[in-house]
Protein backbone atom coordinates (compact mmCIF):
# COMPACT_ATOMS: atom_id res chain seq x y z
CA MET A 1 72.24 219.11 29.16
CA GLU A 2 70.17 221.40 27.18
CA LYS A 3 72.63 221.12 24.34
CA LEU A 4 71.96 217.60 24.19
CA ASP A 5 68.28 218.30 23.81
CA PHE A 6 67.06 217.70 27.54
CA LYS A 7 64.14 219.64 28.65
CA THR A 8 63.56 220.89 32.16
CA ILE A 9 60.30 219.44 33.40
CA ASP A 10 60.44 220.41 37.08
CA SER A 11 62.61 221.81 39.73
CA THR A 12 63.00 222.35 43.45
CA LYS A 13 65.14 224.59 45.62
CA VAL A 14 66.99 223.23 48.61
CA ALA A 15 69.45 224.20 51.45
CA HIS A 16 71.73 222.04 53.58
CA LYS A 17 69.86 221.82 57.02
CA THR A 18 73.24 222.37 59.10
CA LYS A 19 76.06 223.44 56.79
CA HIS A 20 75.91 226.63 54.75
CA LYS A 21 72.21 227.14 55.31
CA GLU A 22 72.29 230.56 53.33
CA GLN A 23 73.22 228.75 50.19
CA ILE A 24 70.15 227.67 48.29
CA PHE A 25 70.36 225.68 45.32
CA SER A 26 68.09 223.84 42.62
CA ILE A 27 67.59 220.41 41.58
CA TYR A 28 66.11 219.83 38.13
CA LEU A 29 64.08 216.99 36.73
CA MET A 30 65.26 216.69 32.87
CA TRP A 31 64.26 214.36 30.11
CA VAL A 32 64.75 213.66 26.59
CA PRO A 33 61.69 211.82 24.93
CA ILE A 34 63.15 208.69 23.16
CA THR A 35 60.09 207.59 21.49
CA ARG A 36 57.14 209.51 19.90
CA ASN A 37 54.49 208.44 22.59
CA ALA A 38 56.88 208.86 25.61
CA LYS A 39 55.44 210.33 28.80
CA PRO A 40 57.29 212.82 30.86
CA PRO A 41 58.70 211.41 34.15
CA SER A 42 57.52 212.61 37.49
CA TRP A 43 59.10 212.80 40.94
CA ASP A 44 58.02 213.02 44.60
CA LYS A 45 60.13 215.89 45.96
CA GLU A 46 59.73 214.78 49.30
CA LYS A 47 61.09 211.38 48.83
CA LEU A 48 63.84 212.96 46.57
CA LEU A 49 65.92 213.92 49.70
CA GLU A 50 65.41 210.71 51.74
CA GLY A 51 68.57 208.74 52.78
CA GLU A 52 70.84 211.24 51.05
CA THR A 53 74.52 210.13 51.08
CA PHE A 54 77.03 212.92 51.81
CA TYR A 55 80.56 213.58 52.58
CA HIS A 56 81.57 215.24 55.88
CA VAL A 57 84.81 216.72 55.04
CA HIS A 58 86.06 215.76 51.56
CA PRO A 59 84.73 213.65 48.56
CA LEU A 60 87.69 211.33 48.94
CA TYR A 61 86.63 210.25 52.37
CA LEU A 62 84.01 207.50 52.72
CA SER A 63 80.55 208.57 52.40
CA GLN A 64 78.01 208.16 55.15
CA ALA A 65 74.24 207.70 55.01
CA CYS A 66 72.39 209.95 57.04
CA GLU A 67 69.19 208.68 59.04
CA GLU A 68 67.38 212.02 58.40
CA ASN A 69 67.34 214.31 55.24
CA VAL A 70 70.29 216.36 54.76
CA PHE A 71 68.60 219.11 52.75
CA GLU A 72 65.29 221.01 53.23
CA PRO A 73 63.08 222.54 50.70
CA LYS A 74 63.29 226.39 50.30
């Protein structure tokens, strides 16, 4: 993404609540200003993970919407 001139604005680290809890990964907020007066976007990190759709076994199976957050901040 950086090769396409996207800039990292913010990031957050998360882990799955039940599976592979030890694996922590980052989610990045990135953007490219298109106009000269463009304002950087913002996000609500708590709302980011609400209603996350996930796959139980394999990506070819139908996804299921979880009633609670699948990931938790680290």
